[in-house]
Amino acid sequence: MKNLKDYILENSKSVENQNEINEASTEKKITFDFTGLENDEETLKSFEGKDFCTVEDNKLTVTVTADNCDKLDTVQDILQQYAETLRSSTKNSSDEQYAQKTHKFADKVAEFNDVLDEFQNPGEEE
């Protein structure tokens, strides 16, 4: 049987760990790599100056929080349309390596959509 001191220490560590988990889940950064994709420069320019978006080289980093997830609709739309355009391009169907890049990009967009959904509907399980 545990003594009171051990019980209190064990529970306080559990609470600290839970707080760390909660703090870690209050913000997520998702990075999209546009390297080697068609119309990458033009698309990246459309994110410059947008709140919660950072463009560096050929990469876009979007910071998602509970407070800003409702303000990222435009970013989500641009990324979704860009991914769909890439996947339907003729280069995608004729170049296997390019197809893999576009598939990876589309997967990242799907991950972004999931993160937004997670922040917009906290506590809901699929």
C-alpha atoms as a PDB file:
ATOM      1  CA  MET A   1       0.000   0.000   0.000  1.00  0.00           C
ATOM      2  CA  LYS A   2       1.286   3.452  -0.912  1.00  0.00           C
ATOM      3  CA  ASN A   3       1.902   6.046   1.696  1.00  0.00           C
ATOM      4  CA  LEU A   4       0.232   9.436   1.357  1.00  0.00           C
ATOM      5  CA  LYS A   5       3.386  11.157   0.104  1.00  0.00           C
ATOM      6  CA  ASP A   6       3.854   8.679  -2.781  1.00  0.00           C
ATOM      7  CA  TYR A   7       0.193   8.957  -3.725  1.00  0.00           C
ATOM      8  CA  ILE A   8       0.324  12.766  -3.842  1.00  0.00           C
ATOM      9  CA  LEU A   9       3.565  12.783  -5.872  1.00  0.00           C
ATOM     10  CA  GLU A  10       2.177  10.268  -8.342  1.00  0.00           C
ATOM     11  CA  ASN A  11      -1.040  12.227  -8.840  1.00  0.00           C
ATOM     12  CA  SER A  12       0.735  15.563  -9.187  1.00  0.00           C
ATOM     13  CA  LYS A  13       2.926  14.102 -11.946  1.00  0.00           C
ATOM     14  CA  SER A  14      -0.206  12.856 -13.673  1.00  0.00           C
ATOM     15  CA  VAL A  15      -1.757  16.332 -13.509  1.00  0.00           C
ATOM     16  CA  GLU A  16       1.462  17.921 -14.810  1.00  0.00           C
ATOM     17  CA  ASN A  17       1.564  15.478 -17.725  1.00  0.00           C
ATOM     18  CA  GLN A  18      -2.079  16.200 -18.539  1.00  0.00           C
ATOM     19  CA  ASN A  19      -1.379  19.941 -18.503  1.00  0.00           C
ATOM     20  CA  GLU A  20       1.550  19.412 -20.887  1.00  0.00           C
ATOM     21  CA  ILE A  21      -0.714  17.438 -23.213  1.00  0.00           C
ATOM     22  CA  ASN A  22      -3.374  20.170 -23.067  1.00  0.00           C
ATOM     23  CA  GLU A  23      -0.804  22.896 -23.766  1.00  0.00           C
ATOM     24  CA  ALA A  24       0.670  20.920 -26.647  1.00  0.00           C
ATOM     25  CA  SER A  25      -2.725  20.490 -28.237  1.00  0.00           C
ATOM     26  CA  THR A  26      -3.591  24.209 -28.139  1.00  0.00           C
ATOM     27  CA  GLU A  27      -1.477  24.920 -31.217  1.00  0.00           C
ATOM     28  CA  LYS A  28      -0.428  22.917 -34.244  1.00  0.00           C
ATOM     29  CA  LYS A  29       1.875  23.964 -37.038  1.00  0.00           C
ATOM     30  CA  ILE A  30       1.538  22.315 -40.413  1.00  0.00           C
ATOM     31  CA  THR A  31       4.167  22.813 -43.078  1.00  0.00           C
ATOM     32  CA  PHE A  32       3.457  22.392 -46.772  1.00  0.00           C
ATOM     33  CA  ASP A  33       6.398  21.839 -49.125  1.00  0.00           C
ATOM     34  CA  PHE A  34       5.790  23.296 -52.591  1.00  0.00           C
ATOM     35  CA  THR A  35       9.215  22.307 -53.960  1.00  0.00           C
ATOM     36  CA  GLY A  36       8.961  20.948 -57.487  1.00  0.00           C
ATOM     37  CA  LEU A  37       5.217  21.504 -57.840  1.00  0.00           C
ATOM     38  CA  GLU A  38       3.586  23.422 -60.684  1.00  0.00           C
ATOM     39  CA  ASN A  39       2.692  27.080 -60.046  1.00  0.00           C
ATOM     40  CA  ASP A  40       4.402  26.931 -56.671  1.00  0.00           C
ATOM     41  CA  GLU A  41       5.641  30.527 -56.651  1.00  0.00           C
ATOM     42  CA  GLU A  42       2.282  32.013 -57.620  1.00  0.00           C
ATOM     43  CA  THR A  43       0.445  29.942 -55.044  1.00  0.00           C
ATOM     44  CA  LEU A  44       2.922  30.784 -52.279  1.00  0.00           C
ATOM     45  CA  LYS A  45       2.526  34.485 -53.067  1.00  0.00           C
ATOM     46  CA  SER A  46      -1.185  34.184 -52.346  1.00  0.00           C
ATOM     47  CA  PHE A  47      -0.322  33.302 -48.717  1.00  0.00           C
ATOM     48  CA  GLU A  48       2.054  36.198 -48.104  1.00  0.00           C
ATOM     49  CA  GLY A  49       0.583  38.632 -45.617  1.00  0.00           C
ATOM     50  CA  LYS A  50      -2.153  36.244 -44.524  1.00  0.00           C
ATOM     51  CA  ASP A  51      -2.584  35.878 -40.789  1.00  0.00           C
ATOM     52  CA  PHE A  52      -1.221  32.679 -39.252  1.00  0.00           C
ATOM     53  CA  CYS A  53       0.777  31.845 -42.422  1.00  0.00           C
ATOM     54  CA  THR A  54       4.542  31.966 -42.808  1.00  0.00           C
ATOM     55  CA  VAL A  55       6.178  31.581 -46.209  1.00  0.00           C
ATOM     56  CA  GLU A  56       9.857  30.686 -46.260  1.00  0.00           C
ATOM     57  CA  ASP A  57      11.630  29.482 -49.392  1.00  0.00           C
ATOM     58  CA  ASN A  58       9.237  26.972 -50.965  1.00  0.00           C
ATOM     59  CA  LYS A  59       7.454  26.135 -47.735  1.00  0.00           C
ATOM     60  CA  LEU A  60       4.274  27.390 -46.144  1.00  0.00           C
ATOM     61  CA  THR A  61       3.715  26.956 -42.420  1.00  0.00           C
ATOM     62  CA  VAL A  62       0.210  27.449 -41.066  1.00  0.00           C
ATOM     63  CA  THR A  63      -0.334  27.814 -37.329  1.00  0.00           C
ATOM     64  CA  VAL A  64      -3.684  26.476 -36.143  1.00  0.00           C
ATOM     65  CA  THR A  65      -5.134  27.292 -32.728  1.00  0.00           C
ATOM     66  CA  ALA A  66      -8.586  27.074 -31.225  1.00  0.00           C
ATOM     67  CA  ASP A  67      -8.882  30.849 -31.609  1.00  0.00           C
ATOM     68  CA  ASN A  68      -7.930  31.071 -35.285  1.00  0.00           C
ATOM     69  CA  CYS A  69      -9.300  27.849 -36.790  1.00  0.00           C
ATOM     70  CA  ASP A  70     -12.453  29.640 -37.963  1.00  0.00           C
ATOM     71  CA  LYS A  71     -10.340  32.300 -39.694  1.00  0.00           C
ATOM     72  CA  LEU A  72      -8.457  29.876 -41.931  1.00  0.00           C
ATOM     73  CA  ASP A  73     -11.248  29.154 -44.428  1.00  0.00           C
ATOM     74  CA  THR A  74      -9.529  31.049 -47.249  1.00  0.00           C
ATOM     75  CA  VAL A  75      -6.222  29.286 -46.591  1.00  0.00           C
ATOM     76  CA  GLN A  76      -8.014  25.943 -46.541  1.00  0.00           C
ATOM     77  CA  ASP A  77      -9.815  26.713 -49.820  1.00  0.00           C
ATOM     78  CA  ILE A  78      -6.621  27.763 -51.597  1.00  0.00           C
ATOM     79  CA  LEU A  79      -4.762  24.655 -50.453  1.00  0.00           C
ATOM     80  CA  GLN A  80      -7.658  22.354 -51.338  1.00  0.00           C
ATOM     81  CA  GLN A  81      -8.060  23.813 -54.833  1.00  0.00           C
ATOM     82  CA  TYR A  82      -4.309  23.760 -55.416  1.00  0.00           C
ATOM     83  CA  ALA A  83      -4.077  20.088 -54.392  1.00  0.00           C
ATOM     84  CA  GLU A  84      -7.001  19.176 -56.652  1.00  0.00           C
ATOM     85  CA  THR A  85      -5.433  21.064 -59.567  1.00  0.00           C
ATOM     86  CA  LEU A  86      -2.119  19.272 -59.037  1.00  0.00           C
ATOM     87  CA  ARG A  87      -3.764  15.872 -58.870  1.00  0.00           C
ATOM     88  CA  SER A  88      -5.703  16.454 -62.090  1.00  0.00           C
ATOM     89  CA  SER A  89      -2.809  17.865 -64.131  1.00  0.00           C
ATOM     90  CA  THR A  90      -1.459  16.013 -67.147  1.00  0.00           C
ATOM     91  CA  LYS A  91       2.026  16.015 -65.631  1.00  0.00           C
ATOM     92  CA  ASN A  92       0.623  14.096 -62.670  1.00  0.00           C
ATOM     93  CA  SER A  93      -0.628  11.288 -64.912  1.00  0.00           C
ATOM     94  CA  SER A  94       2.564  11.037 -66.983  1.00  0.00           C
ATOM     95  CA  ASP A  95       5.290  11.371 -64.323  1.00  0.00           C
ATOM     96  CA  GLU A  96       5.300   8.865 -61.455  1.00  0.00           C
ATOM     97  CA  GLN A  97       7.664  10.874 -59.226  1.00  0.00           C
ATOM     98  CA  TYR A  98       5.577  13.998 -59.678  1.00  0.00           C
ATOM     99  CA  ALA A  99       2.441  11.988 -58.924  1.00  0.00           C
ATOM    100  CA  GLN A 100       4.002  10.878 -55.643  1.00  0.00           C
ATOM    101  CA  LYS A 101       4.803  14.502 -54.745  1.00  0.00           C
ATOM    102  CA  THR A 102       1.257  15.632 -55.500  1.00  0.00           C
ATOM    103  CA  HIS A 103      -0.158  12.723 -53.528  1.00  0.00           C
ATOM    104  CA  LYS A 104       2.026  13.644 -50.560  1.00  0.00           C
ATOM    105  CA  PHE A 105       0.879  17.264 -50.831  1.00  0.00           C
ATOM    106  CA  ALA A 106      -2.787  16.187 -50.993  1.00  0.00           C
ATOM    107  CA  ASP A 107      -2.246  14.027 -47.893  1.00  0.00           C
ATOM    108  CA  LYS A 108      -0.832  17.072 -46.080  1.00  0.00           C
ATOM    109  CA  VAL A 109      -3.913  19.084 -47.057  1.00  0.00           C
ATOM    110  CA  ALA A 110      -6.114  16.279 -45.692  1.00  0.00           C
ATOM    111  CA  GLU A 111      -4.102  16.371 -42.450  1.00  0.00           C
ATOM    112  CA  PHE A 112      -4.641  20.145 -42.292  1.00  0.00           C
ATOM    113  CA  ASN A 113      -8.384  19.636 -42.763  1.00  0.00           C
ATOM    114  CA  ASP A 114      -8.388  17.076 -39.949  1.00  0.00           C
ATOM    115  CA  VAL A 115      -6.532  19.450 -37.622  1.00  0.00           C
ATOM    116  CA  LEU A 116      -8.998  22.253 -38.387  1.00  0.00           C
ATOM    117  CA  ASP A 117     -11.883  19.887 -37.719  1.00  0.00           C
ATOM    118  CA  GLU A 118     -10.252  18.762 -34.477  1.00  0.00           C
ATOM    119  CA  PHE A 119      -9.990  22.360 -33.255  1.00  0.00           C
ATOM    120  CA  GLN A 120     -13.466  23.338 -34.447  1.00  0.00           C
ATOM    121  CA  ASN A 121     -15.121  20.301 -32.852  1.00  0.00           C
ATOM    122  CA  PRO A 122     -13.064  19.450 -29.767  1.00  0.00           C
ATOM    123  CA  GLY A 123     -13.904  16.245 -27.968  1.00  0.00           C
ATOM    124  CA  GLU A 124     -15.725  14.629 -30.875  1.00  0.00           C
ATOM    125  CA  GLU A 125     -14.469  11.218 -31.929  1.00  0.00           C
ATOM    126  CA  GLU A 126     -14.869   9.937 -35.451  1.00  0.00           C
END
